[in-house]
Amino acid sequence: MTRDVRVVARAKVTLSLRVLGVRDDGFHDLEALVVSIRDPHDVVGLRIQAPFGVRVRLSGRAVVGVPLDDTNLAVRAARLLLDAAAEREDAGPWAASGLDLSLHKTIPAGAGLGGGSADAAGALVGGARLLGLDLDTAALAALGARLGSDVPFCVTGGAAWMRGRGELIEPLPDVAGRPEGDDGPALVVAVPPFGLSTPAVYRAWDDLGGPSSTRPVPTPAPLAGPGLPGELVNDLEPAAEHVEPRLRPFRVALEALAGAPALLAGSGSAYVVPVASAARAAAVATAAGAELRAVAFATGLAARGVEAQRGPDS
């Protein structure tokens, strides 16, 4: 059995988000249209080490704000898998094993792009293969739900409606299965030079009385299809703008550059703009970087959230 694996963990973008209320367990009840995108993405590497435990190393341009302790979702995911391996009747050498976890980061933290959740999904998928655990996608998604609301979708990837607190996934294969590149939806993802705390945005939504979005955006033609709404909204945008007043002028300037409406990605701070072509996306991303000091990506949809680069079944 191989001693190491490496997987690509892709960012997610929330194209539309309704917050339906607060659940009895304290989580918010959501209805969100989410998609995996090609870029930005992280690379998660896992290697067997001894003794039992998890060691994490970071590299890449987006390591600022990424923790190295058990608040890192990928570390917690690796620990879940080690516990599962040790509890097997045929655990054998895995009972005393540990995992060396490397995260090469290009998904910015505090942007609403699910970087921590993507890394956790990568650790679950790659670690299960490395440890020889017979866990299908549904089982890995169930484990992911114990870690965070976005992790189940990041495990499955593609395009889906995400409901409940994130654990209920309804795939939209007609969207996720579209060709990438010039023939598929082209997107610009622009991250301003400041981040947002997801808990702070949800607290602000509560404090403001649970506002609904007042800025619906018509669903662009390249993204229209069965199961998709005619308009895209984000109920967290008023709360995000309340927490970070610089958010609205950033959006207005980005829309002026792109000539198209921008959608807040989850709780922010990133915005996503659907544009006409990959060439147009590249031009807008370059301009956003130069004029708005944004970290910007010209990208498109991805059919999977996690993809193996090296190791079993790659």
C-alpha atoms as a PDB file:
ATOM      1  CA  MET A   1       0.000   0.000   0.000  1.00  0.00           C
ATOM      2  CA  THR A   2       1.250   3.468  -0.905  1.00  0.00           C
ATOM      3  CA  ARG A   3       2.634   5.595   1.905  1.00  0.00           C
ATOM      4  CA  ASP A   4       1.512   8.948   0.555  1.00  0.00           C
ATOM      5  CA  VAL A   5      -1.271  10.599  -1.444  1.00  0.00           C
ATOM      6  CA  ARG A   6      -1.853  14.049  -2.860  1.00  0.00           C
ATOM      7  CA  VAL A   7      -5.211  15.550  -3.818  1.00  0.00           C
ATOM      8  CA  VAL A   8      -6.466  18.824  -5.261  1.00  0.00           C
ATOM      9  CA  ALA A   9      -9.049  20.492  -3.001  1.00  0.00           C
ATOM     10  CA  ARG A  10     -11.129  23.022  -4.923  1.00  0.00           C
ATOM     11  CA  ALA A  11     -12.750  26.202  -3.605  1.00  0.00           C
ATOM     12  CA  LYS A  12     -16.510  26.527  -3.583  1.00  0.00           C
ATOM     13  CA  VAL A  13     -18.597  29.528  -4.561  1.00  0.00           C
ATOM     14  CA  THR A  14     -22.055  30.243  -3.194  1.00  0.00           C
ATOM     15  CA  LEU A  15     -24.031  31.707  -6.096  1.00  0.00           C
ATOM     16  CA  SER A  16     -27.258  32.210  -4.167  1.00  0.00           C
ATOM     17  CA  LEU A  17     -27.992  32.043  -0.433  1.00  0.00           C
ATOM     18  CA  ARG A  18     -31.185  32.291   1.542  1.00  0.00           C
ATOM     19  CA  VAL A  19     -31.000  32.253   5.352  1.00  0.00           C
ATOM     20  CA  LEU A  20     -34.338  30.796   6.461  1.00  0.00           C
ATOM     21  CA  GLY A  21     -33.907  31.220  10.209  1.00  0.00           C
ATOM     22  CA  VAL A  22     -32.131  29.848  13.252  1.00  0.00           C
ATOM     23  CA  ARG A  23     -32.476  26.164  14.118  1.00  0.00           C
ATOM     24  CA  ASP A  24     -33.035  24.688  17.558  1.00  0.00           C
ATOM     25  CA  ASP A  25     -29.383  23.568  17.602  1.00  0.00           C
ATOM     26  CA  GLY A  26     -28.209  27.162  17.129  1.00  0.00           C
ATOM     27  CA  PHE A  27     -27.136  26.758  13.495  1.00  0.00           C
ATOM     28  CA  HIS A  28     -28.747  28.805  10.733  1.00  0.00           C
ATOM     29  CA  ASP A  29     -31.114  27.052   8.329  1.00  0.00           C
ATOM     30  CA  LEU A  30     -29.845  27.638   4.784  1.00  0.00           C
ATOM     31  CA  GLU A  31     -30.832  27.158   1.169  1.00  0.00           C
ATOM     32  CA  ALA A  32     -27.765  27.760  -0.961  1.00  0.00           C
ATOM     33  CA  LEU A  33     -26.770  27.165  -4.565  1.00  0.00           C
ATOM     34  CA  VAL A  34     -23.100  26.166  -4.464  1.00  0.00           C
ATOM     35  CA  VAL A  35     -20.560  25.174  -7.117  1.00  0.00           C
ATOM     36  CA  SER A  36     -16.979  23.930  -7.173  1.00  0.00           C
ATOM     37  CA  ILE A  37     -14.566  26.058  -9.198  1.00  0.00           C
ATOM     38  CA  ARG A  38     -11.257  25.206 -10.844  1.00  0.00           C
ATOM     39  CA  ASP A  39      -9.306  28.027  -9.209  1.00  0.00           C
ATOM     40  CA  PRO A  40      -8.312  28.861  -6.591  1.00  0.00           C
ATOM     41  CA  HIS A  41      -7.522  25.422  -5.222  1.00  0.00           C
ATOM     42  CA  ASP A  42      -5.326  23.934  -2.528  1.00  0.00           C
ATOM     43  CA  VAL A  43      -3.187  20.803  -2.704  1.00  0.00           C
ATOM     44  CA  VAL A  44      -3.452  18.452   0.275  1.00  0.00           C
ATOM     45  CA  GLY A  45      -0.699  15.898   0.798  1.00  0.00           C
ATOM     46  CA  LEU A  46      -0.813  13.072   3.341  1.00  0.00           C
ATOM     47  CA  ARG A  47       1.948  10.700   4.374  1.00  0.00           C
ATOM     48  CA  ILE A  48       2.070   7.948   6.969  1.00  0.00           C
ATOM     49  CA  GLN A  49       4.188   8.797   9.984  1.00  0.00           C
ATOM     50  CA  ALA A  50       4.710   7.329  13.440  1.00  0.00           C
ATOM     51  CA  PRO A  51       3.733   7.628  16.209  1.00  0.00           C
ATOM     52  CA  PHE A  52      -0.021   8.246  16.393  1.00  0.00           C
ATOM     53  CA  GLY A  53      -0.922  11.888  15.790  1.00  0.00           C
ATOM     54  CA  VAL A  54      -1.123  14.575  13.121  1.00  0.00           C
ATOM     55  CA  ARG A  55       1.590  16.987  12.051  1.00  0.00           C
ATOM     56  CA  VAL A  56       0.681  19.810   9.637  1.00  0.00           C
ATOM     57  CA  ARG A  57       2.885  21.946   7.403  1.00  0.00           C
ATOM     58  CA  LEU A  58       1.821  24.974   5.340  1.00  0.00           C
ATOM     59  CA  SER A  59       3.096  26.446   2.090  1.00  0.00           C
ATOM     60  CA  GLY A  60       1.787  28.690  -0.670  1.00  0.00           C
ATOM     61  CA  ARG A  61       0.707  32.304  -0.983  1.00  0.00           C
ATOM     62  CA  ALA A  62      -2.476  32.031   1.103  1.00  0.00           C
ATOM     63  CA  VAL A  63      -1.142  30.769   4.436  1.00  0.00           C
ATOM     64  CA  VAL A  64      -1.952  33.981   6.358  1.00  0.00           C
ATOM     65  CA  GLY A  65      -4.633  33.267   8.926  1.00  0.00           C
ATOM     66  CA  VAL A  66      -4.463  29.473   8.561  1.00  0.00           C
ATOM     67  CA  PRO A  67      -4.084  27.768  11.974  1.00  0.00           C
ATOM     68  CA  LEU A  68      -1.705  24.909  12.711  1.00  0.00           C
ATOM     69  CA  ASP A  69      -3.590  23.499  15.703  1.00  0.00           C
ATOM     70  CA  ASP A  70      -6.820  21.536  16.095  1.00  0.00           C
ATOM     71  CA  THR A  71      -8.882  24.526  14.963  1.00  0.00           C
ATOM     72  CA  ASN A  72      -7.672  23.611  11.458  1.00  0.00           C
ATOM     73  CA  LEU A  73     -10.466  21.498   9.942  1.00  0.00           C
ATOM     74  CA  ALA A  74      -8.024  19.386   7.917  1.00  0.00           C
ATOM     75  CA  VAL A  75      -6.175  18.417  11.114  1.00  0.00           C
ATOM     76  CA  ARG A  76      -9.468  17.408  12.720  1.00  0.00           C
ATOM     77  CA  ALA A  77     -10.402  15.426   9.594  1.00  0.00           C
ATOM     78  CA  ALA A  78      -7.114  13.533   9.738  1.00  0.00           C
ATOM     79  CA  ARG A  79      -7.697  12.701  13.408  1.00  0.00           C
ATOM     80  CA  LEU A  80     -11.168  11.343  12.613  1.00  0.00           C
ATOM     81  CA  LEU A  81      -9.663   9.006  10.015  1.00  0.00           C
ATOM     82  CA  LEU A  82      -6.880   7.826  12.322  1.00  0.00           C
ATOM     83  CA  ASP A  83      -9.489   7.015  14.972  1.00  0.00           C
ATOM     84  CA  ALA A  84     -11.525   5.090  12.392  1.00  0.00           C
ATOM     85  CA  ALA A  85      -8.445   3.150  11.240  1.00  0.00           C
ATOM     86  CA  ALA A  86      -7.400   2.288  14.804  1.00  0.00           C
ATOM     87  CA  GLU A  87     -10.881   0.994  15.652  1.00  0.00           C
ATOM     88  CA  ARG A  88     -10.987  -1.545  12.806  1.00  0.00           C
ATOM     89  CA  GLU A  89     -10.716  -5.198  13.762  1.00  0.00           C
ATOM     90  CA  ASP A  90      -7.887  -5.593  11.234  1.00  0.00           C
ATOM     91  CA  ALA A  91      -6.195  -2.312  12.149  1.00  0.00           C
ATOM     92  CA  GLY A  92      -2.752  -3.903  12.173  1.00  0.00           C
ATOM     93  CA  PRO A  93       0.047  -1.348  11.697  1.00  0.00           C
ATOM     94  CA  TRP A  94      -2.429   1.527  11.307  1.00  0.00           C
ATOM     95  CA  ALA A  95      -3.363   1.294  15.008  1.00  0.00           C
ATOM     96  CA  ALA A  96      -0.182   3.171  15.936  1.00  0.00           C
ATOM     97  CA  SER A  97       0.104   5.324  12.820  1.00  0.00           C
ATOM     98  CA  GLY A  98       0.053   9.062  12.451  1.00  0.00           C
ATOM     99  CA  LEU A  99      -0.372  11.369   9.488  1.00  0.00           C
ATOM    100  CA  ASP A 100       1.913  14.052   8.126  1.00  0.00           C
ATOM    101  CA  LEU A 101      -0.376  16.636   6.516  1.00  0.00           C
ATOM    102  CA  SER A 102       0.863  19.243   4.040  1.00  0.00           C
ATOM    103  CA  LEU A 103      -1.385  22.058   2.826  1.00  0.00           C
ATOM    104  CA  HIS A 104      -0.274  24.093  -0.169  1.00  0.00           C
ATOM    105  CA  LYS A 105      -2.626  27.070   0.036  1.00  0.00           C
ATOM    106  CA  THR A 106      -3.915  29.317  -2.728  1.00  0.00           C
ATOM    107  CA  ILE A 107      -7.505  29.682  -1.430  1.00  0.00           C
ATOM    108  CA  PRO A 108      -7.469  32.900   0.654  1.00  0.00           C
ATOM    109  CA  ALA A 109      -8.749  32.714   4.221  1.00  0.00           C
ATOM    110  CA  GLY A 110     -11.665  34.928   5.245  1.00  0.00           C
ATOM    111  CA  ALA A 111     -12.962  35.132   1.667  1.00  0.00           C
ATOM    112  CA  GLY A 112     -16.056  32.911   1.858  1.00  0.00           C
ATOM    113  CA  LEU A 113     -14.538  30.401  -0.576  1.00  0.00           C
ATOM    114  CA  GLY A 114     -14.501  27.448   1.822  1.00  0.00           C
ATOM    115  CA  GLY A 115     -10.733  26.988   1.944  1.00  0.00           C
ATOM    116  CA  GLY A 116     -10.713  25.306   5.354  1.00  0.00           C
ATOM    117  CA  SER A 117     -13.626  23.084   4.387  1.00  0.00           C
ATOM    118  CA  ALA A 118     -11.983  22.182   1.072  1.00  0.00           C
ATOM    119  CA  ASP A 119      -8.799  21.161   2.912  1.00  0.00           C
ATOM    120  CA  ALA A 120     -10.850  19.039   5.319  1.00  0.00           C
ATOM    121  CA  ALA A 121     -12.576  17.355   2.367  1.00  0.00           C
ATOM    122  CA  GLY A 122      -9.187  16.717   0.754  1.00  0.00           C
ATOM    123  CA  ALA A 123      -7.876  15.219   3.986  1.00  0.00           C
ATOM    124  CA  LEU A 124     -10.922  12.957   4.281  1.00  0.00           C
ATOM    125  CA  VAL A 125     -10.794  11.704   0.692  1.00  0.00           C
ATOM    126  CA  GLY A 126      -7.011  11.351   0.511  1.00  0.00           C
ATOM    127  CA  GLY A 127      -6.614  10.008   4.043  1.00  0.00           C
ATOM    128  CA  ALA A 128      -9.286   7.332   3.558  1.00  0.00           C
ATOM    129  CA  ARG A 129      -7.437   6.071   0.480  1.00  0.00           C
ATOM    130  CA  LEU A 130      -4.084   6.195   2.216  1.00  0.00           C
ATOM    131  CA  LEU A 131      -5.319   4.253   5.242  1.00  0.00           C
ATOM    132  CA  GLY A 132      -7.274   1.752   3.180  1.00  0.00           C
ATOM    133  CA  LEU A 133     -10.616   2.698   4.727  1.00  0.00           C
ATOM    134  CA  ASP A 134     -13.629   1.450   2.787  1.00  0.00           C
ATOM    135  CA  LEU A 135     -15.607   4.695   2.962  1.00  0.00           C
ATOM    136  CA  ASP A 136     -17.711   5.860   0.035  1.00  0.00           C
ATOM    137  CA  THR A 137     -18.536   9.468  -0.754  1.00  0.00           C
ATOM    138  CA  ALA A 138     -21.690   9.439   1.372  1.00  0.00           C
ATOM    139  CA  ALA A 139     -19.786   8.112   4.400  1.00  0.00           C
ATOM    140  CA  LEU A 140     -17.030  10.694   3.959  1.00  0.00           C
ATOM    141  CA  ALA A 141     -19.617  13.466   3.617  1.00  0.00           C
ATOM    142  CA  ALA A 142     -21.251  12.283   6.851  1.00  0.00           C
ATOM    143  CA  LEU A 143     -17.874  12.492   8.591  1.00  0.00           C
ATOM    144  CA  GLY A 144     -17.423  15.945   7.077  1.00  0.00           C
ATOM    145  CA  ALA A 145     -20.712  17.114   8.597  1.00  0.00           C
ATOM    146  CA  ARG A 146     -19.132  16.567  12.020  1.00  0.00           C
ATOM    147  CA  LEU A 147     -16.442  19.111  11.102  1.00  0.00           C
ATOM    148  CA  GLY A 148     -18.294  21.982   9.455  1.00  0.00           C
ATOM    149  CA  SER A 149     -21.334  22.968   7.421  1.00  0.00           C
ATOM    150  CA  ASP A 150     -19.494  23.308   4.095  1.00  0.00           C
ATOM    151  CA  VAL A 151     -17.425  20.122   4.306  1.00  0.00           C
ATOM    152  CA  PRO A 152     -20.071  17.685   2.965  1.00  0.00           C
ATOM    153  CA  PHE A 153     -20.449  19.695  -0.239  1.00  0.00           C
ATOM    154  CA  CYS A 154     -16.678  20.044  -0.639  1.00  0.00           C
ATOM    155  CA  VAL A 155     -16.423  16.236  -0.451  1.00  0.00           C
ATOM    156  CA  THR A 156     -19.032  15.715  -3.178  1.00  0.00           C
ATOM    157  CA  GLY A 157     -18.321  18.836  -5.235  1.00  0.00           C
ATOM    158  CA  GLY A 158     -19.805  19.827  -8.572  1.00  0.00           C
ATOM    159  CA  ALA A 159     -22.978  21.883  -8.260  1.00  0.00           C
ATOM    160  CA  ALA A 160     -25.755  21.423  -5.740  1.00  0.00           C
ATOM    161  CA  TRP A 161     -28.447  22.894  -3.572  1.00  0.00           C
ATOM    162  CA  MET A 162     -27.171  22.848   0.009  1.00  0.00           C
ATOM    163  CA  ARG A 163     -29.845  22.891   2.686  1.00  0.00           C
ATOM    164  CA  GLY A 164     -30.239  22.511   6.441  1.00  0.00           C
ATOM    165  CA  ARG A 165     -27.030  23.703   8.014  1.00  0.00           C
ATOM    166  CA  GLY A 166     -25.177  22.329   4.987  1.00  0.00           C
ATOM    167  CA  GLU A 167     -25.546  18.590   5.499  1.00  0.00           C
ATOM    168  CA  LEU A 168     -28.403  18.124   2.987  1.00  0.00           C
ATOM    169  CA  ILE A 169     -26.985  18.041  -0.551  1.00  0.00           C
ATOM    170  CA  GLU A 170     -29.081  17.907  -3.747  1.00  0.00           C
ATOM    171  CA  PRO A 171     -26.685  17.529  -6.714  1.00  0.00           C
ATOM    172  CA  LEU A 172     -27.316  19.399  -9.957  1.00  0.00           C
ATOM    173  CA  PRO A 173     -25.457  17.230 -12.487  1.00  0.00           C
ATOM    174  CA  ASP A 174     -26.728  19.222 -15.488  1.00  0.00           C
ATOM    175  CA  VAL A 175     -24.800  22.222 -14.145  1.00  0.00           C
ATOM    176  CA  ALA A 176     -21.706  20.430 -12.834  1.00  0.00           C
ATOM    177  CA  GLY A 177     -21.357  18.324 -15.957  1.00  0.00           C
ATOM    178  CA  ARG A 178     -21.059  21.214 -18.379  1.00  0.00           C
ATOM    179  CA  PRO A 179     -17.774  21.533 -20.260  1.00  0.00           C
ATOM    180  CA  GLU A 180     -15.156  23.801 -18.778  1.00  0.00           C
ATOM    181  CA  GLY A 181     -13.325  26.601 -20.538  1.00  0.00           C
ATOM    182  CA  ASP A 182     -14.716  28.737 -23.364  1.00  0.00           C
ATOM    183  CA  ASP A 183     -17.778  26.479 -23.757  1.00  0.00           C
ATOM    184  CA  GLY A 184     -18.771  26.698 -20.095  1.00  0.00           C
ATOM    185  CA  PRO A 185     -19.520  29.517 -17.649  1.00  0.00           C
ATOM    186  CA  ALA A 186     -16.549  31.835 -17.155  1.00  0.00           C
ATOM    187  CA  LEU A 187     -16.202  33.413 -13.722  1.00  0.00           C
ATOM    188  CA  VAL A 188     -14.077  36.071 -12.071  1.00  0.00           C
ATOM    189  CA  VAL A 189     -13.477  35.587  -8.353  1.00  0.00           C
ATOM    190  CA  ALA A 190     -12.087  38.747  -6.746  1.00  0.00           C
ATOM    191  CA  VAL A 191     -10.894  38.850  -3.125  1.00  0.00           C
ATOM    192  CA  PRO A 192     -10.483  42.360  -1.669  1.00  0.00           C
ATOM    193  CA  PRO A 193      -7.460  43.267   0.498  1.00  0.00           C
ATOM    194  CA  PHE A 194      -9.443  42.490   3.648  1.00  0.00           C
ATOM    195  CA  GLY A 195     -11.248  39.424   4.952  1.00  0.00           C
ATOM    196  CA  LEU A 196     -14.423  38.718   6.877  1.00  0.00           C
ATOM    197  CA  SER A 197     -15.178  36.417   9.798  1.00  0.00           C
ATOM    198  CA  THR A 198     -18.070  34.075   9.017  1.00  0.00           C
ATOM    199  CA  PRO A 199     -19.247  33.932  12.675  1.00  0.00           C
ATOM    200  CA  ALA A 200     -19.182  37.748  12.839  1.00  0.00           C
ATOM    201  CA  VAL A 201     -21.345  38.032   9.713  1.00  0.00           C
ATOM    202  CA  TYR A 202     -23.910  35.559  11.058  1.00  0.00           C
ATOM    203  CA  ARG A 203     -23.978  37.393  14.398  1.00  0.00           C
ATOM    204  CA  ALA A 204     -24.610  40.635  12.535  1.00  0.00           C
ATOM    205  CA  TRP A 205     -27.420  38.970  10.558  1.00  0.00           C
ATOM    206  CA  ASP A 206     -29.021  37.974  13.875  1.00  0.00           C
ATOM    207  CA  ASP A 207     -28.483  41.426  15.424  1.00  0.00           C
ATOM    208  CA  LEU A 208     -29.992  43.162  12.377  1.00  0.00           C
ATOM    209  CA  GLY A 209     -33.152  41.077  12.693  1.00  0.00           C
ATOM    210  CA  GLY A 210     -32.475  38.567   9.913  1.00  0.00           C
ATOM    211  CA  PRO A 211     -32.569  40.820   6.822  1.00  0.00           C
ATOM    212  CA  SER A 212     -33.275  39.426   3.358  1.00  0.00           C
ATOM    213  CA  SER A 213     -31.283  40.435   0.324  1.00  0.00           C
ATOM    214  CA  THR A 214     -32.507  43.562  -1.443  1.00  0.00           C
ATOM    215  CA  ARG A 215     -30.229  43.066  -4.458  1.00  0.00           C
ATOM    216  CA  PRO A 216     -31.391  40.171  -6.654  1.00  0.00           C
ATOM    217  CA  VAL A 217     -29.179  39.489  -9.667  1.00  0.00           C
ATOM    218  CA  PRO A 218     -30.665  37.845 -12.790  1.00  0.00           C
ATOM    219  CA  THR A 219     -29.176  34.393 -13.313  1.00  0.00           C
ATOM    220  CA  PRO A 220     -26.695  34.743 -16.201  1.00  0.00           C
ATOM    221  CA  ALA A 221     -27.588  32.719 -19.290  1.00  0.00           C
ATOM    222  CA  PRO A 222     -24.479  30.477 -19.089  1.00  0.00           C
ATOM    223  CA  LEU A 223     -25.570  29.383 -15.586  1.00  0.00           C
ATOM    224  CA  ALA A 224     -29.286  28.990 -16.278  1.00  0.00           C
ATOM    225  CA  GLY A 225     -30.679  25.463 -16.368  1.00  0.00           C
ATOM    226  CA  PRO A 226     -33.007  22.917 -14.772  1.00  0.00           C
ATOM    227  CA  GLY A 227     -33.366  23.344 -11.013  1.00  0.00           C
ATOM    228  CA  LEU A 228     -31.884  26.857 -11.001  1.00  0.00           C
ATOM    229  CA  PRO A 229     -33.691  30.049  -9.966  1.00  0.00           C
ATOM    230  CA  GLY A 230     -34.301  33.012 -12.244  1.00  0.00           C
ATOM    231  CA  GLU A 231     -32.555  35.320  -9.760  1.00  0.00           C
ATOM    232  CA  LEU A 232     -29.529  34.938  -7.486  1.00  0.00           C
ATOM    233  CA  VAL A 233     -29.506  36.521  -4.026  1.00  0.00           C
ATOM    234  CA  ASN A 234     -27.402  36.516  -0.875  1.00  0.00           C
ATOM    235  CA  ASP A 235     -29.191  37.218   2.395  1.00  0.00           C
ATOM    236  CA  LEU A 236     -25.839  37.643   4.164  1.00  0.00           C
ATOM    237  CA  GLU A 237     -24.794  40.623   2.047  1.00  0.00           C
ATOM    238  CA  PRO A 238     -26.491  43.293   4.236  1.00  0.00           C
ATOM    239  CA  ALA A 239     -24.863  41.798   7.341  1.00  0.00           C
ATOM    240  CA  ALA A 240     -21.472  41.535   5.636  1.00  0.00           C
ATOM    241  CA  GLU A 241     -21.654  45.180   4.553  1.00  0.00           C
ATOM    242  CA  HIS A 242     -22.581  46.134   8.116  1.00  0.00           C
ATOM    243  CA  VAL A 243     -19.520  44.314   9.486  1.00  0.00           C
ATOM    244  CA  GLU A 244     -17.162  45.637   6.791  1.00  0.00           C
ATOM    245  CA  PRO A 245     -18.167  49.032   5.258  1.00  0.00           C
ATOM    246  CA  ARG A 246     -15.442  48.738   2.601  1.00  0.00           C
ATOM    247  CA  LEU A 247     -17.281  45.825   1.003  1.00  0.00           C
ATOM    248  CA  ARG A 248     -19.894  47.843  -0.923  1.00  0.00           C
ATOM    249  CA  PRO A 249     -17.472  50.278  -2.618  1.00  0.00           C
ATOM    250  CA  PHE A 250     -15.289  47.309  -3.578  1.00  0.00           C
ATOM    251  CA  ARG A 251     -18.292  45.614  -5.212  1.00  0.00           C
ATOM    252  CA  VAL A 252     -19.323  48.775  -7.050  1.00  0.00           C
ATOM    253  CA  ALA A 253     -15.807  49.243  -8.433  1.00  0.00           C
ATOM    254  CA  LEU A 254     -15.585  45.570  -9.463  1.00  0.00           C
ATOM    255  CA  GLU A 255     -18.927  45.787 -11.266  1.00  0.00           C
ATOM    256  CA  ALA A 256     -17.720  48.873 -13.121  1.00  0.00           C
ATOM    257  CA  LEU A 257     -14.628  46.975 -14.295  1.00  0.00           C
ATOM    258  CA  ALA A 258     -16.585  43.875 -15.302  1.00  0.00           C
ATOM    259  CA  GLY A 259     -19.675  45.562 -16.716  1.00  0.00           C
ATOM    260  CA  ALA A 260     -21.778  42.944 -14.918  1.00  0.00           C
ATOM    261  CA  PRO A 261     -23.325  42.379 -11.468  1.00  0.00           C
ATOM    262  CA  ALA A 262     -21.175  40.782  -8.761  1.00  0.00           C
ATOM    263  CA  LEU A 263     -22.354  38.159  -6.274  1.00  0.00           C
ATOM    264  CA  LEU A 264     -21.052  37.954  -2.721  1.00  0.00           C
ATOM    265  CA  ALA A 265     -19.441  34.545  -2.125  1.00  0.00           C
ATOM    266  CA  GLY A 266     -21.107  33.162   1.013  1.00  0.00           C
ATOM    267  CA  SER A 267     -20.275  35.400   3.971  1.00  0.00           C
ATOM    268  CA  GLY A 268     -17.576  37.207   1.930  1.00  0.00           C
ATOM    269  CA  SER A 269     -15.302  38.947   1.443  1.00  0.00           C
ATOM    270  CA  ALA A 270     -14.861  37.587  -2.112  1.00  0.00           C
ATOM    271  CA  TYR A 271     -17.172  38.479  -4.989  1.00  0.00           C
ATOM    272  CA  VAL A 272     -17.835  36.388  -8.082  1.00  0.00           C
ATOM    273  CA  VAL A 273     -18.790  37.847 -11.465  1.00  0.00           C
ATOM    274  CA  PRO A 274     -20.062  35.639 -14.330  1.00  0.00           C
ATOM    275  CA  VAL A 275     -18.714  37.006 -17.634  1.00  0.00           C
ATOM    276  CA  ALA A 276     -19.062  36.179 -21.324  1.00  0.00           C
ATOM    277  CA  SER A 277     -15.857  34.237 -21.963  1.00  0.00           C
ATOM    278  CA  ALA A 278     -12.614  32.932 -20.511  1.00  0.00           C
ATOM    279  CA  ALA A 279     -10.747  35.743 -22.293  1.00  0.00           C
ATOM    280  CA  ARG A 280     -13.022  38.346 -20.695  1.00  0.00           C
ATOM    281  CA  ALA A 281     -12.546  36.706 -17.286  1.00  0.00           C
ATOM    282  CA  ALA A 282      -8.759  36.928 -17.648  1.00  0.00           C
ATOM    283  CA  ALA A 283      -8.956  40.619 -18.584  1.00  0.00           C
ATOM    284  CA  VAL A 284     -11.258  41.511 -15.678  1.00  0.00           C
ATOM    285  CA  ALA A 285      -9.150  39.537 -13.187  1.00  0.00           C
ATOM    286  CA  THR A 286      -6.005  41.352 -14.319  1.00  0.00           C
ATOM    287  CA  ALA A 287      -7.714  44.749 -14.016  1.00  0.00           C
ATOM    288  CA  ALA A 288      -9.108  43.905 -10.558  1.00  0.00           C
ATOM    289  CA  GLY A 289      -5.645  43.009  -9.356  1.00  0.00           C
ATOM    290  CA  ALA A 290      -4.095  46.208 -10.705  1.00  0.00           C
ATOM    291  CA  GLU A 291      -6.837  48.724  -9.867  1.00  0.00           C
ATOM    292  CA  LEU A 292      -8.542  47.269  -6.787  1.00  0.00           C
ATOM    293  CA  ARG A 293      -5.564  45.521  -5.122  1.00  0.00           C
ATOM    294  CA  ALA A 294      -7.644  42.335  -5.281  1.00  0.00           C
ATOM    295  CA  VAL A 295      -6.418  38.777  -5.472  1.00  0.00           C
ATOM    296  CA  ALA A 296      -8.396  37.767  -8.534  1.00  0.00           C
ATOM    297  CA  PHE A 297      -8.890  34.507 -10.413  1.00  0.00           C
ATOM    298  CA  ALA A 298     -10.243  33.822 -13.905  1.00  0.00           C
ATOM    299  CA  THR A 299     -11.939  30.471 -13.481  1.00  0.00           C
ATOM    300  CA  GLY A 300     -14.884  28.216 -14.283  1.00  0.00           C
ATOM    301  CA  LEU A 301     -16.916  25.357 -12.879  1.00  0.00           C
ATOM    302  CA  ALA A 302     -15.375  22.074 -11.767  1.00  0.00           C
ATOM    303  CA  ALA A 303     -17.251  18.774 -11.759  1.00  0.00           C
ATOM    304  CA  ARG A 304     -15.564  17.530  -8.568  1.00  0.00           C
ATOM    305  CA  GLY A 305     -14.538  19.088  -5.270  1.00  0.00           C
ATOM    306  CA  VAL A 306     -11.579  16.776  -4.633  1.00  0.00           C
ATOM    307  CA  GLU A 307      -9.381  15.153  -7.272  1.00  0.00           C
ATOM    308  CA  ALA A 308      -6.500  12.746  -6.704  1.00  0.00           C
ATOM    309  CA  GLN A 309      -3.107  13.701  -8.125  1.00  0.00           C
ATOM    310  CA  ARG A 310      -1.092  10.850  -6.670  1.00  0.00           C
ATOM    311  CA  GLY A 311      -1.914   7.714  -4.723  1.00  0.00           C
ATOM    312  CA  PRO A 312      -4.539   4.951  -4.818  1.00  0.00           C
ATOM    313  CA  ASP A 313      -7.217   5.329  -7.501  1.00  0.00           C
ATOM    314  CA  SER A 314      -5.583   8.439  -8.948  1.00  0.00           C
END
